[in-house]
Amino acid sequence: MNTQCDDDDFDYVPCDQTVVVDDAFFESAQTHEYEFDSLEISDSCLFVNISASGCDGNSWSMVLVASDDIGDSFPEQRYLKLVLTNDEVCLAIVSQGRSFDLTTIQVGGSNEIILNIEGFPESLTYTY
């Protein structure tokens, strides 16, 4: 009997989107109002759940953008912003989630960074 792990035994579920690293976009991005319901890191995906006013959220666009700047500390720090585009005009509160691939913000020579996400009251530690 072979008890070795087989890559086919694991289902890899990719993240919905990739983090965009763009300093100009980070500085100029405008977002519609929302509230964070939860943030969680699993493997290299950041799972984000938010609530905002809307009809059903089907037309929402979400982008997670990171600054090019890396905070000079140990571990290093990255600064991010969730940008929501929501043109729905309804009074209901809608919740929606997305996942973002964090590999684009990894720092060479390090295996851990602190994520500071605008509007979220605490930092998250991303270990890779």
C-alpha atoms as a PDB file:
ATOM      1  CA  MET A   1       0.000   0.000   0.000  1.00  0.00           C
ATOM      2  CA  ASN A   2       1.350   3.414  -0.986  1.00  0.00           C
ATOM      3  CA  THR A   3       0.706   6.086   1.668  1.00  0.00           C
ATOM      4  CA  GLN A   4       2.561   8.927  -0.008  1.00  0.00           C
ATOM      5  CA  CYS A   5       0.683  12.111  -0.733  1.00  0.00           C
ATOM      6  CA  ASP A   6      -0.570  12.486  -4.259  1.00  0.00           C
ATOM      7  CA  ASP A   7      -1.101  15.967  -5.694  1.00  0.00           C
ATOM      8  CA  ASP A   8      -4.423  14.758  -7.088  1.00  0.00           C
ATOM      9  CA  ASP A   9      -5.707  14.251  -3.531  1.00  0.00           C
ATOM     10  CA  PHE A  10      -5.973  18.004  -2.957  1.00  0.00           C
ATOM     11  CA  ASP A  11      -8.389  20.389  -4.608  1.00  0.00           C
ATOM     12  CA  TYR A  12      -6.717  23.726  -5.264  1.00  0.00           C
ATOM     13  CA  VAL A  13      -9.211  26.560  -5.374  1.00  0.00           C
ATOM     14  CA  PRO A  14      -7.682  29.691  -6.887  1.00  0.00           C
ATOM     15  CA  CYS A  15      -8.458  33.139  -5.531  1.00  0.00           C
ATOM     16  CA  ASP A  16     -11.067  35.218  -7.383  1.00  0.00           C
ATOM     17  CA  GLN A  17      -8.716  38.090  -8.221  1.00  0.00           C
ATOM     18  CA  THR A  18      -5.113  39.253  -7.909  1.00  0.00           C
ATOM     19  CA  VAL A  19      -3.979  42.205  -5.805  1.00  0.00           C
ATOM     20  CA  VAL A  20      -3.088  45.147  -8.063  1.00  0.00           C
ATOM     21  CA  VAL A  21       0.217  46.825  -7.120  1.00  0.00           C
ATOM     22  CA  ASP A  22       0.053  50.373  -8.477  1.00  0.00           C
ATOM     23  CA  ASP A  23       1.112  53.415  -6.451  1.00  0.00           C
ATOM     24  CA  ALA A  24      -0.720  55.962  -8.632  1.00  0.00           C
ATOM     25  CA  PHE A  25      -3.960  53.944  -8.502  1.00  0.00           C
ATOM     26  CA  PHE A  26      -3.548  53.465  -4.740  1.00  0.00           C
ATOM     27  CA  GLU A  27      -3.170  57.218  -4.192  1.00  0.00           C
ATOM     28  CA  SER A  28      -6.025  58.301  -6.480  1.00  0.00           C
ATOM     29  CA  ALA A  29      -8.582  55.498  -6.047  1.00  0.00           C
ATOM     30  CA  GLN A  30     -12.068  56.569  -5.025  1.00  0.00           C
ATOM     31  CA  THR A  31     -14.392  54.038  -3.415  1.00  0.00           C
ATOM     32  CA  HIS A  32     -18.068  53.861  -2.576  1.00  0.00           C
ATOM     33  CA  GLU A  33     -18.963  53.372   1.084  1.00  0.00           C
ATOM     34  CA  TYR A  34     -18.919  49.883   2.570  1.00  0.00           C
ATOM     35  CA  GLU A  35     -18.258  48.154   5.875  1.00  0.00           C
ATOM     36  CA  PHE A  36     -15.963  45.207   6.425  1.00  0.00           C
ATOM     37  CA  ASP A  37     -17.800  42.158   7.757  1.00  0.00           C
ATOM     38  CA  SER A  38     -14.712  39.962   7.866  1.00  0.00           C
ATOM     39  CA  LEU A  39     -11.174  39.533   6.557  1.00  0.00           C
ATOM     40  CA  GLU A  40      -9.314  36.230   6.680  1.00  0.00           C
ATOM     41  CA  ILE A  41      -6.111  34.902   5.160  1.00  0.00           C
ATOM     42  CA  SER A  42      -5.968  31.274   4.072  1.00  0.00           C
ATOM     43  CA  ASP A  43      -2.856  30.083   2.254  1.00  0.00           C
ATOM     44  CA  SER A  44      -2.160  32.949  -0.176  1.00  0.00           C
ATOM     45  CA  CYS A  45      -5.758  34.191  -0.473  1.00  0.00           C
ATOM     46  CA  LEU A  46      -7.265  37.098   1.423  1.00  0.00           C
ATOM     47  CA  PHE A  47     -11.002  36.505   1.853  1.00  0.00           C
ATOM     48  CA  VAL A  48     -12.922  39.774   2.138  1.00  0.00           C
ATOM     49  CA  ASN A  49     -16.610  40.100   3.051  1.00  0.00           C
ATOM     50  CA  ILE A  50     -18.233  43.527   2.957  1.00  0.00           C
ATOM     51  CA  SER A  51     -21.685  45.076   3.286  1.00  0.00           C
ATOM     52  CA  ALA A  52     -22.993  48.112   1.433  1.00  0.00           C
ATOM     53  CA  SER A  53     -26.287  49.556   0.284  1.00  0.00           C
ATOM     54  CA  GLY A  54     -27.476  48.140  -2.999  1.00  0.00           C
ATOM     55  CA  CYS A  55     -30.052  46.059  -4.819  1.00  0.00           C
ATOM     56  CA  ASP A  56     -28.311  42.689  -5.026  1.00  0.00           C
ATOM     57  CA  GLY A  57     -24.604  43.456  -5.477  1.00  0.00           C
ATOM     58  CA  ASN A  58     -24.439  41.737  -8.866  1.00  0.00           C
ATOM     59  CA  SER A  59     -23.041  44.845 -10.565  1.00  0.00           C
ATOM     60  CA  TRP A  60     -20.415  45.575  -7.902  1.00  0.00           C
ATOM     61  CA  SER A  61     -16.758  45.724  -8.817  1.00  0.00           C
ATOM     62  CA  MET A  62     -14.098  45.204  -6.160  1.00  0.00           C
ATOM     63  CA  VAL A  63     -10.369  45.764  -6.582  1.00  0.00           C
ATOM     64  CA  LEU A  64      -7.737  45.325  -3.886  1.00  0.00           C
ATOM     65  CA  VAL A  65      -4.896  47.711  -4.647  1.00  0.00           C
ATOM     66  CA  ALA A  66      -1.529  47.927  -2.892  1.00  0.00           C
ATOM     67  CA  SER A  67       0.934  50.767  -2.703  1.00  0.00           C
ATOM     68  CA  ASP A  68       4.422  50.189  -4.115  1.00  0.00           C
ATOM     69  CA  ASP A  69       5.787  51.354  -0.757  1.00  0.00           C
ATOM     70  CA  ILE A  70       7.006  48.721   1.675  1.00  0.00           C
ATOM     71  CA  GLY A  71       7.140  49.805   5.322  1.00  0.00           C
ATOM     72  CA  ASP A  72      10.679  49.640   6.708  1.00  0.00           C
ATOM     73  CA  SER A  73      10.112  47.378   9.691  1.00  0.00           C
ATOM     74  CA  PHE A  74      10.444  43.740  10.657  1.00  0.00           C
ATOM     75  CA  PRO A  75       8.417  42.136   9.376  1.00  0.00           C
ATOM     76  CA  GLU A  76       7.897  44.486   6.444  1.00  0.00           C
ATOM     77  CA  GLN A  77       4.519  46.166   5.980  1.00  0.00           C
ATOM     78  CA  ARG A  78       2.311  46.662   2.932  1.00  0.00           C
ATOM     79  CA  TYR A  79      -0.503  49.207   2.587  1.00  0.00           C
ATOM     80  CA  LEU A  80      -3.685  48.201   0.777  1.00  0.00           C
ATOM     81  CA  LYS A  81      -7.070  49.633  -0.098  1.00  0.00           C
ATOM     82  CA  LEU A  82     -10.286  47.892  -1.182  1.00  0.00           C
ATOM     83  CA  VAL A  83     -11.956  49.898  -3.943  1.00  0.00           C
ATOM     84  CA  LEU A  84     -15.686  49.264  -4.385  1.00  0.00           C
ATOM     85  CA  THR A  85     -17.586  50.520  -7.406  1.00  0.00           C
ATOM     86  CA  ASN A  86     -21.292  50.379  -6.571  1.00  0.00           C
ATOM     87  CA  ASP A  87     -23.753  52.197  -8.804  1.00  0.00           C
ATOM     88  CA  GLU A  88     -26.806  50.412  -7.395  1.00  0.00           C
ATOM     89  CA  VAL A  89     -29.459  52.762  -6.011  1.00  0.00           C
ATOM     90  CA  CYS A  90     -31.424  50.722  -3.477  1.00  0.00           C
ATOM     91  CA  LEU A  91     -31.789  50.984   0.277  1.00  0.00           C
ATOM     92  CA  ALA A  92     -31.182  47.321   1.085  1.00  0.00           C
ATOM     93  CA  ILE A  93     -27.948  46.260   2.769  1.00  0.00           C
ATOM     94  CA  VAL A  94     -26.180  43.626   0.691  1.00  0.00           C
ATOM     95  CA  SER A  95     -23.215  41.478   1.708  1.00  0.00           C
ATOM     96  CA  GLN A  96     -20.719  40.064  -0.715  1.00  0.00           C
ATOM     97  CA  GLY A  97     -17.345  38.357  -0.605  1.00  0.00           C
ATOM     98  CA  ARG A  98     -14.282  38.068  -2.814  1.00  0.00           C
ATOM     99  CA  SER A  99     -10.866  36.503  -2.476  1.00  0.00           C
ATOM    100  CA  PHE A 100      -7.598  38.083  -3.564  1.00  0.00           C
ATOM    101  CA  ASP A 101      -4.300  36.351  -4.384  1.00  0.00           C
ATOM    102  CA  LEU A 102      -1.608  37.894  -2.174  1.00  0.00           C
ATOM    103  CA  THR A 103       1.433  36.476  -3.978  1.00  0.00           C
ATOM    104  CA  THR A 104       1.960  39.730  -5.919  1.00  0.00           C
ATOM    105  CA  ILE A 105       2.727  41.572  -2.668  1.00  0.00           C
ATOM    106  CA  GLN A 106       5.225  39.115  -1.220  1.00  0.00           C
ATOM    107  CA  VAL A 107       8.576  40.651  -0.316  1.00  0.00           C
ATOM    108  CA  GLY A 108      11.724  38.884  -1.522  1.00  0.00           C
ATOM    109  CA  GLY A 109      13.903  37.505   1.261  1.00  0.00           C
ATOM    110  CA  SER A 110      11.002  37.486   3.707  1.00  0.00           C
ATOM    111  CA  ASN A 111       8.310  34.960   4.598  1.00  0.00           C
ATOM    112  CA  GLU A 112       5.970  37.263   6.495  1.00  0.00           C
ATOM    113  CA  ILE A 113       4.502  40.732   6.026  1.00  0.00           C
ATOM    114  CA  ILE A 114       2.034  42.897   7.899  1.00  0.00           C
ATOM    115  CA  LEU A 115      -0.990  44.034   5.874  1.00  0.00           C
ATOM    116  CA  ASN A 116      -2.495  47.425   6.708  1.00  0.00           C
ATOM    117  CA  ILE A 117      -5.842  47.642   4.942  1.00  0.00           C
ATOM    118  CA  GLU A 118      -7.448  51.070   4.823  1.00  0.00           C
ATOM    119  CA  GLY A 119     -10.663  51.155   6.859  1.00  0.00           C
ATOM    120  CA  PHE A 120      -9.960  47.900   8.721  1.00  0.00           C
ATOM    121  CA  PRO A 121      -9.159  48.566  12.395  1.00  0.00           C
ATOM    122  CA  GLU A 122      -6.354  46.030  12.796  1.00  0.00           C
ATOM    123  CA  SER A 123      -3.383  44.763  10.828  1.00  0.00           C
ATOM    124  CA  LEU A 124      -3.230  41.233   9.427  1.00  0.00           C
ATOM    125  CA  THR A 125      -0.144  39.029   9.293  1.00  0.00           C
ATOM    126  CA  TYR A 126       0.442  37.195   6.011  1.00  0.00           C
ATOM    127  CA  THR A 127       2.892  34.296   6.340  1.00  0.00           C
ATOM    128  CA  TYR A 128       4.098  32.544   3.188  1.00  0.00           C
END
